[in-house]
Structure formats: structure tokens, C-alpha cells
Amino acid sequence: MELGEQKVYVDEASWKRHIPPLPDHREFGHGWALVSDLLLCLPLSIFVQIVQVSYKVDNLEDYLRDALRKHTLIRNLPRSVRQQLLYKRRYIFSVMDSLQ
């Protein structure tokens, strides 16, 4: 998804820029979130701080160098970039370790 097509929730160049409100889960009550909800709306800038990307990902540096594009949600990255970052779901272990 191109930068101009992404919805802006906070009009500043920060990690909060494109993060949508989390869905309410009636069975848990207001204010609770599922880890799967968090992973779906994680910005690239936060993802690379949590997950050690020790392999080459095409175009990753282009995104990280840009003041606005680095905050693109993982789910909105081009498919090729997203697939390389999420390869074999290794990122889940890093995220879970960070949450504990």
C-alpha cells in the first residue's frame, strides 16, 4: 500500500501515525487486546526494534531511512517485503519475549 493510501490516525511523523484503534473483544472487556491484534498493526519502526532482522530484506533500508515510510504498518508493506520479514513466523518468538 502506498504511503498516500494509508490512513493517518495521528498527524505527526511518529510510530503512532498509522496505528488504528484496536478492536473490542466483548469476552475480555474494554482495554484488552490480543497479541494477534497487536502484530497486525505493528509499525515497521517498532518491529525492527523488537525483532532482530539478521538477513537481507529487499528495500528494507529504503523504508527505514524515510521519516514517514519507516512507520508503515507491517500489514501495509509490499508483499515481497512483508514475506521476507515474516518468514517462518520467527518474529512471533521475539515479540512474545519482549512482552514478557
PDB file of N, CA and C in Angstrom:
ATOM      1  N   MET A   1       0.850  -1.167   0.000  1.00  0.00           N
ATOM      2  CA  MET A   1       0.000   0.000   0.000  1.00  0.00           C
ATOM      3  C   MET A   1       0.901   1.236   0.000  1.00  0.00           C
ATOM      4  N   GLU A   2       0.624   2.166  -0.872  1.00  0.00           N
ATOM      5  CA  GLU A   2       1.423   3.384  -0.961  1.00  0.00           C
ATOM      6  C   GLU A   2       1.179   4.273   0.253  1.00  0.00           C
ATOM      7  N   LEU A   3       2.152   5.104   0.562  1.00  0.00           N
ATOM      8  CA  LEU A   3       2.090   5.964   1.736  1.00  0.00           C
ATOM      9  C   LEU A   3       0.840   6.849   1.731  1.00  0.00           C
ATOM     10  N   GLY A   4       0.501   7.421   0.576  1.00  0.00           N
ATOM     11  CA  GLY A   4      -0.662   8.295   0.479  1.00  0.00           C
ATOM     12  C   GLY A   4      -1.994   7.580   0.659  1.00  0.00           C
ATOM     13  N   GLU A   5      -2.009   6.265   0.496  1.00  0.00           N
ATOM     14  CA  GLU A   5      -3.231   5.475   0.641  1.00  0.00           C
ATOM     15  C   GLU A   5      -3.475   5.025   2.076  1.00  0.00           C
ATOM     16  N   GLN A   6      -2.460   5.137   2.927  1.00  0.00           N
ATOM     17  CA  GLN A   6      -2.587   4.677   4.307  1.00  0.00           C
ATOM     18  C   GLN A   6      -3.317   5.726   5.142  1.00  0.00           C
ATOM     19  N   LYS A   7      -4.242   5.269   5.949  1.00  0.00           N
ATOM     20  CA  LYS A   7      -4.997   6.174   6.807  1.00  0.00           C
ATOM     21  C   LYS A   7      -4.088   6.720   7.906  1.00  0.00           C
ATOM     22  N   VAL A   8      -4.194   8.015   8.153  1.00  0.00           N
ATOM     23  CA  VAL A   8      -3.410   8.674   9.195  1.00  0.00           C
ATOM     24  C   VAL A   8      -4.305   8.871  10.410  1.00  0.00           C
ATOM     25  N   TYR A   9      -3.880   8.345  11.555  1.00  0.00           N
ATOM     26  CA  TYR A   9      -4.640   8.471  12.798  1.00  0.00           C
ATOM     27  C   TYR A   9      -4.056   9.541  13.705  1.00  0.00           C
ATOM     28  N   VAL A  10      -2.752   9.739  13.640  1.00  0.00           N
ATOM     29  CA  VAL A  10      -2.073  10.775  14.426  1.00  0.00           C
ATOM     30  C   VAL A  10      -1.220  11.565  13.442  1.00  0.00           C
ATOM     31  N   ASP A  11      -1.524  12.856  13.292  1.00  0.00           N
ATOM     32  CA  ASP A  11      -0.864  13.669  12.276  1.00  0.00           C
ATOM     33  C   ASP A  11       0.501  14.164  12.758  1.00  0.00           C
ATOM     34  N   GLU A  12       1.412  13.231  12.902  1.00  0.00           N
ATOM     35  CA  GLU A  12       2.797  13.540  13.244  1.00  0.00           C
ATOM     36  C   GLU A  12       3.669  12.420  12.683  1.00  0.00           C
ATOM     37  N   ALA A  13       4.938  12.725  12.501  1.00  0.00           N
ATOM     38  CA  ALA A  13       5.868  11.723  11.963  1.00  0.00           C
ATOM     39  C   ALA A  13       6.375  10.849  13.102  1.00  0.00           C
ATOM     40  N   SER A  14       5.506  10.002  13.617  1.00  0.00           N
ATOM     41  CA  SER A  14       5.888   9.120  14.720  1.00  0.00           C
ATOM     42  C   SER A  14       5.346   7.721  14.459  1.00  0.00           C
ATOM     43  N   TRP A  15       5.720   6.790  15.311  1.00  0.00           N
ATOM     44  CA  TRP A  15       5.280   5.403  15.177  1.00  0.00           C
ATOM     45  C   TRP A  15       3.769   5.272  15.328  1.00  0.00           C
ATOM     46  N   LYS A  16       3.115   6.258  15.908  1.00  0.00           N
ATOM     47  CA  LYS A  16       1.660   6.211  16.127  1.00  0.00           C
ATOM     48  C   LYS A  16       0.856   6.598  14.881  1.00  0.00           C
ATOM     49  N   ARG A  17       1.507   7.126  13.880  1.00  0.00           N
ATOM     50  CA  ARG A  17       0.863   7.738  12.721  1.00  0.00           C
ATOM     51  C   ARG A  17      -0.245   6.890  12.084  1.00  0.00           C
ATOM     52  N   HIS A  18      -0.003   5.627  11.813  1.00  0.00           N
ATOM     53  CA  HIS A  18      -0.959   4.797  11.065  1.00  0.00           C
ATOM     54  C   HIS A  18      -1.637   3.721  11.910  1.00  0.00           C
ATOM     55  N   ILE A  19      -1.437   3.733  13.212  1.00  0.00           N
ATOM     56  CA  ILE A  19      -1.990   2.665  14.050  1.00  0.00           C
ATOM     57  C   ILE A  19      -3.483   2.892  14.287  1.00  0.00           C
ATOM     58  N   PRO A  20      -4.311   1.948  13.832  1.00  0.00           N
ATOM     59  CA  PRO A  20      -5.763   2.077  14.031  1.00  0.00           C
ATOM     60  C   PRO A  20      -6.144   1.695  15.456  1.00  0.00           C
ATOM     61  N   PRO A  21      -7.331   2.104  15.892  1.00  0.00           N
ATOM     62  CA  PRO A  21      -7.809   1.648  17.210  1.00  0.00           C
ATOM     63  C   PRO A  21      -7.937   0.125  17.203  1.00  0.00           C
ATOM     64  N   LEU A  22      -7.627  -0.487  18.315  1.00  0.00           N
ATOM     65  CA  LEU A  22      -7.750  -1.943  18.421  1.00  0.00           C
ATOM     66  C   LEU A  22      -9.217  -2.335  18.556  1.00  0.00           C
ATOM     67  N   PRO A  23      -9.583  -3.484  18.034  1.00  0.00           N
ATOM     68  CA  PRO A  23     -10.977  -3.931  18.161  1.00  0.00           C
ATOM     69  C   PRO A  23     -11.303  -4.291  19.608  1.00  0.00           C
ATOM     70  N   ASP A  24     -12.559  -4.099  19.968  1.00  0.00           N
ATOM     71  CA  ASP A  24     -13.022  -4.520  21.294  1.00  0.00           C
ATOM     72  C   ASP A  24     -13.390  -5.994  21.237  1.00  0.00           C
ATOM     73  N   HIS A  25     -12.982  -6.721  22.252  1.00  0.00           N
ATOM     74  CA  HIS A  25     -13.341  -8.133  22.379  1.00  0.00           C
ATOM     75  C   HIS A  25     -14.251  -8.253  23.598  1.00  0.00           C
ATOM     76  N   ARG A  26     -15.513  -8.449  23.351  1.00  0.00           N
ATOM     77  CA  ARG A  26     -16.515  -8.470  24.430  1.00  0.00           C
ATOM     78  C   ARG A  26     -16.174  -9.453  25.537  1.00  0.00           C
ATOM     79  N   GLU A  27     -15.605 -10.598  25.172  1.00  0.00           N
ATOM     80  CA  GLU A  27     -15.329 -11.623  26.176  1.00  0.00           C
ATOM     81  C   GLU A  27     -14.211 -11.217  27.141  1.00  0.00           C
ATOM     82  N   PHE A  28     -13.403 -10.203  26.781  1.00  0.00           N
ATOM     83  CA  PHE A  28     -12.310  -9.775  27.653  1.00  0.00           C
ATOM     84  C   PHE A  28     -12.570  -8.428  28.314  1.00  0.00           C
ATOM     85  N   GLY A  29     -13.462  -7.638  27.768  1.00  0.00           N
ATOM     86  CA  GLY A  29     -13.744  -6.321  28.327  1.00  0.00           C
ATOM     87  C   GLY A  29     -12.935  -5.229  27.647  1.00  0.00           C
ATOM     88  N   HIS A  30     -13.303  -3.993  27.926  1.00  0.00           N
ATOM     89  CA  HIS A  30     -12.666  -2.828  27.310  1.00  0.00           C
ATOM     90  C   HIS A  30     -11.209  -2.706  27.768  1.00  0.00           C
ATOM     91  N   GLY A  31     -10.335  -2.368  26.832  1.00  0.00           N
ATOM     92  CA  GLY A  31      -8.940  -2.141  27.168  1.00  0.00           C
ATOM     93  C   GLY A  31      -8.022  -3.329  26.970  1.00  0.00           C
ATOM     94  N   TRP A  32      -8.576  -4.492  26.689  1.00  0.00           N
ATOM     95  CA  TRP A  32      -7.759  -5.686  26.474  1.00  0.00           C
ATOM     96  C   TRP A  32      -7.505  -5.855  24.983  1.00  0.00           C
ATOM     97  N   ALA A  33      -6.357  -6.415  24.652  1.00  0.00           N
ATOM     98  CA  ALA A  33      -6.016  -6.670  23.251  1.00  0.00           C
ATOM     99  C   ALA A  33      -5.393  -8.053  23.128  1.00  0.00           C
ATOM    100  N   LEU A  34      -5.586  -8.655  21.993  1.00  0.00           N
ATOM    101  CA  LEU A  34      -4.951  -9.934  21.695  1.00  0.00           C
ATOM    102  C   LEU A  34      -3.600  -9.665  21.029  1.00  0.00           C
ATOM    103  N   VAL A  35      -2.644 -10.520  21.266  1.00  0.00           N
ATOM    104  CA  VAL A  35      -1.329 -10.353  20.646  1.00  0.00           C
ATOM    105  C   VAL A  35      -1.473 -10.335  19.124  1.00  0.00           C
ATOM    106  N   SER A  36      -2.373 -11.130  18.596  1.00  0.00           N
ATOM    107  CA  SER A  36      -2.585 -11.139  17.142  1.00  0.00           C
ATOM    108  C   SER A  36      -3.051  -9.770  16.642  1.00  0.00           C
ATOM    109  N   ASP A  37      -3.861  -9.054  17.439  1.00  0.00           N
ATOM    110  CA  ASP A  37      -4.281  -7.698  17.073  1.00  0.00           C
ATOM    111  C   ASP A  37      -3.073  -6.766  17.025  1.00  0.00           C
ATOM    112  N   LEU A  38      -2.207  -6.894  18.012  1.00  0.00           N
ATOM    113  CA  LEU A  38      -1.022  -6.037  18.082  1.00  0.00           C
ATOM    114  C   LEU A  38      -0.086  -6.282  16.904  1.00  0.00           C
ATOM    115  N   LEU A  39       0.107  -7.538  16.557  1.00  0.00           N
ATOM    116  CA  LEU A  39       1.013  -7.870  15.457  1.00  0.00           C
ATOM    117  C   LEU A  39       0.509  -7.325  14.129  1.00  0.00           C
ATOM    118  N   LEU A  40      -0.801  -7.301  13.953  1.00  0.00           N
ATOM    119  CA  LEU A  40      -1.369  -6.811  12.698  1.00  0.00           C
ATOM    120  C   LEU A  40      -1.179  -5.313  12.510  1.00  0.00           C
ATOM    121  N   CYS A  41      -1.048  -4.575  13.594  1.00  0.00           N
ATOM    122  CA  CYS A  41      -0.921  -3.122  13.456  1.00  0.00           C
ATOM    123  C   CYS A  41       0.421  -2.602  13.972  1.00  0.00           C
ATOM    124  N   LEU A  42       1.442  -3.421  13.902  1.00  0.00           N
ATOM    125  CA  LEU A  42       2.774  -3.028  14.339  1.00  0.00           C
ATOM    126  C   LEU A  42       3.474  -2.238  13.232  1.00  0.00           C
ATOM    127  N   PRO A  43       3.979  -1.033  13.549  1.00  0.00           N
ATOM    128  CA  PRO A  43       4.729  -0.279  12.542  1.00  0.00           C
ATOM    129  C   PRO A  43       6.120  -0.892  12.326  1.00  0.00           C
ATOM    130  N   LEU A  44       6.645  -0.740  11.138  1.00  0.00           N
ATOM    131  CA  LEU A  44       7.966  -1.266  10.807  1.00  0.00           C
ATOM    132  C   LEU A  44       9.026  -0.743  11.772  1.00  0.00           C
ATOM    133  N   SER A  45       8.950   0.539  12.135  1.00  0.00           N
ATOM    134  CA  SER A  45       9.948   1.142  13.024  1.00  0.00           C
ATOM    135  C   SER A  45      10.012   0.441  14.380  1.00  0.00           C
ATOM    136  N   ILE A  46       8.886  -0.044  14.879  1.00  0.00           N
ATOM    137  CA  ILE A  46       8.849  -0.776  16.154  1.00  0.00           C
ATOM    138  C   ILE A  46       9.245  -2.238  15.925  1.00  0.00           C
ATOM    139  N   PHE A  47       8.775  -2.811  14.842  1.00  0.00           N
ATOM    140  CA  PHE A  47       9.071  -4.211  14.518  1.00  0.00           C
ATOM    141  C   PHE A  47      10.576  -4.462  14.512  1.00  0.00           C
ATOM    142  N   VAL A  48      11.351  -3.577  13.849  1.00  0.00           N
ATOM    143  CA  VAL A  48      12.799  -3.804  13.748  1.00  0.00           C
ATOM    144  C   VAL A  48      13.523  -3.570  15.072  1.00  0.00           C
ATOM    145  N   GLN A  49      12.872  -2.917  16.025  1.00  0.00           N
ATOM    146  CA  GLN A  49      13.467  -2.769  17.355  1.00  0.00           C
ATOM    147  C   GLN A  49      13.240  -4.017  18.200  1.00  0.00           C
ATOM    148  N   ILE A  50      12.166  -4.729  17.917  1.00  0.00           N
ATOM    149  CA  ILE A  50      11.819  -5.932  18.679  1.00  0.00           C
ATOM    150  C   ILE A  50      12.435  -7.180  18.057  1.00  0.00           C
ATOM    151  N   VAL A  51      12.383  -7.253  16.736  1.00  0.00           N
ATOM    152  CA  VAL A  51      12.821  -8.442  16.006  1.00  0.00           C
ATOM    153  C   VAL A  51      14.184  -8.174  15.373  1.00  0.00           C
ATOM    154  N   GLN A  52      15.133  -9.033  15.632  1.00  0.00           N
ATOM    155  CA  GLN A  52      16.451  -8.903  15.020  1.00  0.00           C
ATOM    156  C   GLN A  52      16.378  -9.432  13.595  1.00  0.00           C
ATOM    157  N   VAL A  53      16.464  -8.526  12.644  1.00  0.00           N
ATOM    158  CA  VAL A  53      16.432  -8.902  11.230  1.00  0.00           C
ATOM    159  C   VAL A  53      17.887  -9.054  10.791  1.00  0.00           C
ATOM    160  N   SER A  54      18.383 -10.264  10.840  1.00  0.00           N
ATOM    161  CA  SER A  54      19.800 -10.524  10.570  1.00  0.00           C
ATOM    162  C   SER A  54      20.033 -11.059   9.158  1.00  0.00           C
ATOM    163  N   TYR A  55      19.092 -10.827   8.280  1.00  0.00           N
ATOM    164  CA  TYR A  55      19.197 -11.286   6.903  1.00  0.00           C
ATOM    165  C   TYR A  55      18.768 -10.150   5.994  1.00  0.00           C
ATOM    166  N   LYS A  56      19.157 -10.217   4.730  1.00  0.00           N
ATOM    167  CA  LYS A  56      18.848  -9.141   3.794  1.00  0.00           C
ATOM    168  C   LYS A  56      17.376  -9.188   3.398  1.00  0.00           C
ATOM    169  N   VAL A  57      16.737  -8.037   3.537  1.00  0.00           N
ATOM    170  CA  VAL A  57      15.350  -7.871   3.105  1.00  0.00           C
ATOM    171  C   VAL A  57      15.351  -6.768   2.056  1.00  0.00           C
ATOM    172  N   ASP A  58      14.951  -7.108   0.846  1.00  0.00           N
ATOM    173  CA  ASP A  58      14.936  -6.140  -0.249  1.00  0.00           C
ATOM    174  C   ASP A  58      14.106  -4.918   0.113  1.00  0.00           C
ATOM    175  N   ASN A  59      14.666  -3.729  -0.112  1.00  0.00           N
ATOM    176  CA  ASN A  59      14.008  -2.428   0.089  1.00  0.00           C
ATOM    177  C   ASN A  59      13.791  -2.051   1.551  1.00  0.00           C
ATOM    178  N   LEU A  60      14.220  -2.860   2.485  1.00  0.00           N
ATOM    179  CA  LEU A  60      14.012  -2.538   3.902  1.00  0.00           C
ATOM    180  C   LEU A  60      14.701  -1.232   4.281  1.00  0.00           C
ATOM    181  N   GLU A  61      15.936  -1.058   3.864  1.00  0.00           N
ATOM    182  CA  GLU A  61      16.680   0.164   4.197  1.00  0.00           C
ATOM    183  C   GLU A  61      16.007   1.404   3.623  1.00  0.00           C
ATOM    184  N   ASP A  62      15.402   1.288   2.441  1.00  0.00           N
ATOM    185  CA  ASP A  62      14.690   2.421   1.845  1.00  0.00           C
ATOM    186  C   ASP A  62      13.547   2.868   2.748  1.00  0.00           C
ATOM    187  N   TYR A  63      12.831   1.924   3.304  1.00  0.00           N
ATOM    188  CA  TYR A  63      11.731   2.245   4.214  1.00  0.00           C
ATOM    189  C   TYR A  63      12.256   2.850   5.510  1.00  0.00           C
ATOM    190  N   LEU A  64      13.292   2.269   6.070  1.00  0.00           N
ATOM    191  CA  LEU A  64      13.790   2.715   7.373  1.00  0.00           C
ATOM    192  C   LEU A  64      14.468   4.079   7.318  1.00  0.00           C
ATOM    193  N   ARG A  65      14.993   4.462   6.168  1.00  0.00           N
ATOM    194  CA  ARG A  65      15.638   5.773   6.026  1.00  0.00           C
ATOM    195  C   ARG A  65      14.633   6.907   5.865  1.00  0.00           C
ATOM    196  N   ASP A  66      13.444   6.603   5.420  1.00  0.00           N
ATOM    197  CA  ASP A  66      12.425   7.627   5.161  1.00  0.00           C
ATOM    198  C   ASP A  66      11.660   7.948   6.443  1.00  0.00           C
ATOM    199  N   ALA A  67      11.543   9.236   6.762  1.00  0.00           N
ATOM    200  CA  ALA A  67      10.929   9.679   8.022  1.00  0.00           C
ATOM    201  C   ALA A  67       9.484   9.216   8.191  1.00  0.00           C
ATOM    202  N   LEU A  68       8.732   9.094   7.118  1.00  0.00           N
ATOM    203  CA  LEU A  68       7.337   8.655   7.218  1.00  0.00           C
ATOM    204  C   LEU A  68       7.162   7.178   6.879  1.00  0.00           C
ATOM    205  N   ARG A  69       7.844   6.706   5.856  1.00  0.00           N
ATOM    206  CA  ARG A  69       7.670   5.310   5.422  1.00  0.00           C
ATOM    207  C   ARG A  69       8.116   4.306   6.479  1.00  0.00           C
ATOM    208  N   LYS A  70       9.048   4.703   7.349  1.00  0.00           N
ATOM    209  CA  LYS A  70       9.517   3.762   8.373  1.00  0.00           C
ATOM    210  C   LYS A  70       8.418   3.406   9.369  1.00  0.00           C
ATOM    211  N   HIS A  71       7.351   4.189   9.398  1.00  0.00           N
ATOM    212  CA  HIS A  71       6.231   3.923  10.305  1.00  0.00           C
ATOM    213  C   HIS A  71       5.081   3.181   9.617  1.00  0.00           C
ATOM    214  N   THR A  72       5.319   2.691   8.407  1.00  0.00           N
ATOM    215  CA  THR A  72       4.321   1.895   7.687  1.00  0.00           C
ATOM    216  C   THR A  72       4.014   0.634   8.486  1.00  0.00           C
ATOM    217  N   LEU A  73       2.739   0.310   8.595  1.00  0.00           N
ATOM    218  CA  LEU A  73       2.360  -0.914   9.290  1.00  0.00           C
ATOM    219  C   LEU A  73       2.880  -2.122   8.519  1.00  0.00           C
ATOM    220  N   ILE A  74       3.287  -3.147   9.239  1.00  0.00           N
ATOM    221  CA  ILE A  74       3.791  -4.367   8.612  1.00  0.00           C
ATOM    222  C   ILE A  74       2.779  -4.895   7.592  1.00  0.00           C
ATOM    223  N   ARG A  75       1.506  -4.866   7.935  1.00  0.00           N
ATOM    224  CA  ARG A  75       0.483  -5.397   7.025  1.00  0.00           C
ATOM    225  C   ARG A  75       0.331  -4.570   5.754  1.00  0.00           C
ATOM    226  N   ASN A  76       0.832  -3.319   5.746  1.00  0.00           N
ATOM    227  CA  ASN A  76       0.714  -2.455   4.575  1.00  0.00           C
ATOM    228  C   ASN A  76       1.971  -2.421   3.713  1.00  0.00           C
ATOM    229  N   LEU A  77       3.005  -3.151   4.110  1.00  0.00           N
ATOM    230  CA  LEU A  77       4.221  -3.213   3.301  1.00  0.00           C
ATOM    231  C   LEU A  77       3.948  -4.004   2.026  1.00  0.00           C
ATOM    232  N   PRO A  78       4.745  -3.775   0.982  1.00  0.00           N
ATOM    233  CA  PRO A  78       4.593  -4.607  -0.218  1.00  0.00           C
ATOM    234  C   PRO A  78       4.753  -6.085   0.151  1.00  0.00           C
ATOM    235  N   ARG A  79       4.041  -6.923  -0.535  1.00  0.00           N
ATOM    236  CA  ARG A  79       4.020  -8.350  -0.214  1.00  0.00           C
ATOM    237  C   ARG A  79       5.426  -8.946  -0.128  1.00  0.00           C
ATOM    238  N   SER A  80       6.297  -8.593  -1.056  1.00  0.00           N
ATOM    239  CA  SER A  80       7.645  -9.181  -1.060  1.00  0.00           C
ATOM    240  C   SER A  80       8.420  -8.818   0.207  1.00  0.00           C
ATOM    241  N   VAL A  81       8.313  -7.584   0.655  1.00  0.00           N
ATOM    242  CA  VAL A  81       8.997  -7.147   1.886  1.00  0.00           C
ATOM    243  C   VAL A  81       8.375  -7.845   3.088  1.00  0.00           C
ATOM    244  N   ARG A  82       7.061  -7.845   3.141  1.00  0.00           N
ATOM    245  CA  ARG A  82       6.341  -8.471   4.262  1.00  0.00           C
ATOM    246  C   ARG A  82       6.677  -9.960   4.375  1.00  0.00           C
ATOM    247  N   GLN A  83       6.701 -10.657   3.252  1.00  0.00           N
ATOM    248  CA  GLN A  83       7.002 -12.093   3.281  1.00  0.00           C
ATOM    249  C   GLN A  83       8.415 -12.364   3.778  1.00  0.00           C
ATOM    250  N   GLN A  84       9.361 -11.524   3.391  1.00  0.00           N
ATOM    251  CA  GLN A  84      10.735 -11.708   3.855  1.00  0.00           C
ATOM    252  C   GLN A  84      10.851 -11.442   5.358  1.00  0.00           C
ATOM    253  N   LEU A  85      10.160 -10.428   5.846  1.00  0.00           N
ATOM    254  CA  LEU A  85      10.213 -10.102   7.276  1.00  0.00           C
ATOM    255  C   LEU A  85       9.528 -11.162   8.129  1.00  0.00           C
ATOM    256  N   LEU A  86       8.445 -11.713   7.625  1.00  0.00           N
ATOM    257  CA  LEU A  86       7.637 -12.642   8.410  1.00  0.00           C
ATOM    258  C   LEU A  86       7.944 -14.106   8.102  1.00  0.00           C
ATOM    259  N   TYR A  87       9.041 -14.359   7.436  1.00  0.00           N
ATOM    260  CA  TYR A  87       9.425 -15.704   7.013  1.00  0.00           C
ATOM    261  C   TYR A  87       9.423 -16.685   8.184  1.00  0.00           C
ATOM    262  N   LYS A  88       8.696 -17.752   8.030  1.00  0.00           N
ATOM    263  CA  LYS A  88       8.588 -18.841   9.009  1.00  0.00           C
ATOM    264  C   LYS A  88       8.140 -18.387  10.402  1.00  0.00           C
ATOM    265  N   ARG A  89       7.524 -17.232  10.486  1.00  0.00           N
ATOM    266  CA  ARG A  89       6.936 -16.718  11.732  1.00  0.00           C
ATOM    267  C   ARG A  89       7.927 -16.615  12.893  1.00  0.00           C
ATOM    268  N   ARG A  90       9.196 -16.475  12.586  1.00  0.00           N
ATOM    269  CA  ARG A  90      10.209 -16.363  13.639  1.00  0.00           C
ATOM    270  C   ARG A  90       9.986 -15.134  14.511  1.00  0.00           C
ATOM    271  N   TYR A  91       9.411 -14.094  13.939  1.00  0.00           N
ATOM    272  CA  TYR A  91       9.184 -12.845  14.652  1.00  0.00           C
ATOM    273  C   TYR A  91       8.292 -13.035  15.874  1.00  0.00           C
ATOM    274  N   ILE A  92       7.400 -14.006  15.854  1.00  0.00           N
ATOM    275  CA  ILE A  92       6.458 -14.214  16.961  1.00  0.00           C
ATOM    276  C   ILE A  92       7.209 -14.458  18.264  1.00  0.00           C
ATOM    277  N   PHE A  93       8.279 -15.222  18.224  1.00  0.00           N
ATOM    278  CA  PHE A  93       9.045 -15.518  19.432  1.00  0.00           C
ATOM    279  C   PHE A  93       9.688 -14.254  19.998  1.00  0.00           C
ATOM    280  N   SER A  94      10.210 -13.392  19.132  1.00  0.00           N
ATOM    281  CA  SER A  94      10.818 -12.137  19.584  1.00  0.00           C
ATOM    282  C   SER A  94       9.784 -11.226  20.220  1.00  0.00           C
ATOM    283  N   VAL A  95       8.623 -11.137  19.614  1.00  0.00           N
ATOM    284  CA  VAL A  95       7.554 -10.289  20.151  1.00  0.00           C
ATOM    285  C   VAL A  95       7.090 -10.821  21.500  1.00  0.00           C
ATOM    286  N   MET A  96       6.892 -12.112  21.599  1.00  0.00           N
ATOM    287  CA  MET A  96       6.443 -12.698  22.872  1.00  0.00           C
ATOM    288  C   MET A  96       7.482 -12.493  23.974  1.00  0.00           C
ATOM    289  N   ASP A  97       8.762 -12.639  23.656  1.00  0.00           N
ATOM    290  CA  ASP A  97       9.817 -12.390  24.642  1.00  0.00           C
ATOM    291  C   ASP A  97       9.793 -10.940  25.110  1.00  0.00           C
ATOM    292  N   SER A  98       9.555 -10.015  24.195  1.00  0.00           N
ATOM    293  CA  SER A  98       9.513  -8.593  24.546  1.00  0.00           C
ATOM    294  C   SER A  98       8.317  -8.256  25.425  1.00  0.00           C
ATOM    295  N   LEU A  99       7.222  -8.971  25.242  1.00  0.00           N
ATOM    296  CA  LEU A  99       6.011  -8.705  26.024  1.00  0.00           C
ATOM    297  C   LEU A  99       6.095  -9.262  27.440  1.00  0.00           C
ATOM    298  N   GLN A 100       6.953 -10.241  27.654  1.00  0.00           N
ATOM    299  CA  GLN A 100       7.008 -10.887  28.975  1.00  0.00           C
ATOM    300  C   GLN A 100       7.854 -10.139  29.957  1.00  0.00           C
TER     301      GLN A 100
END
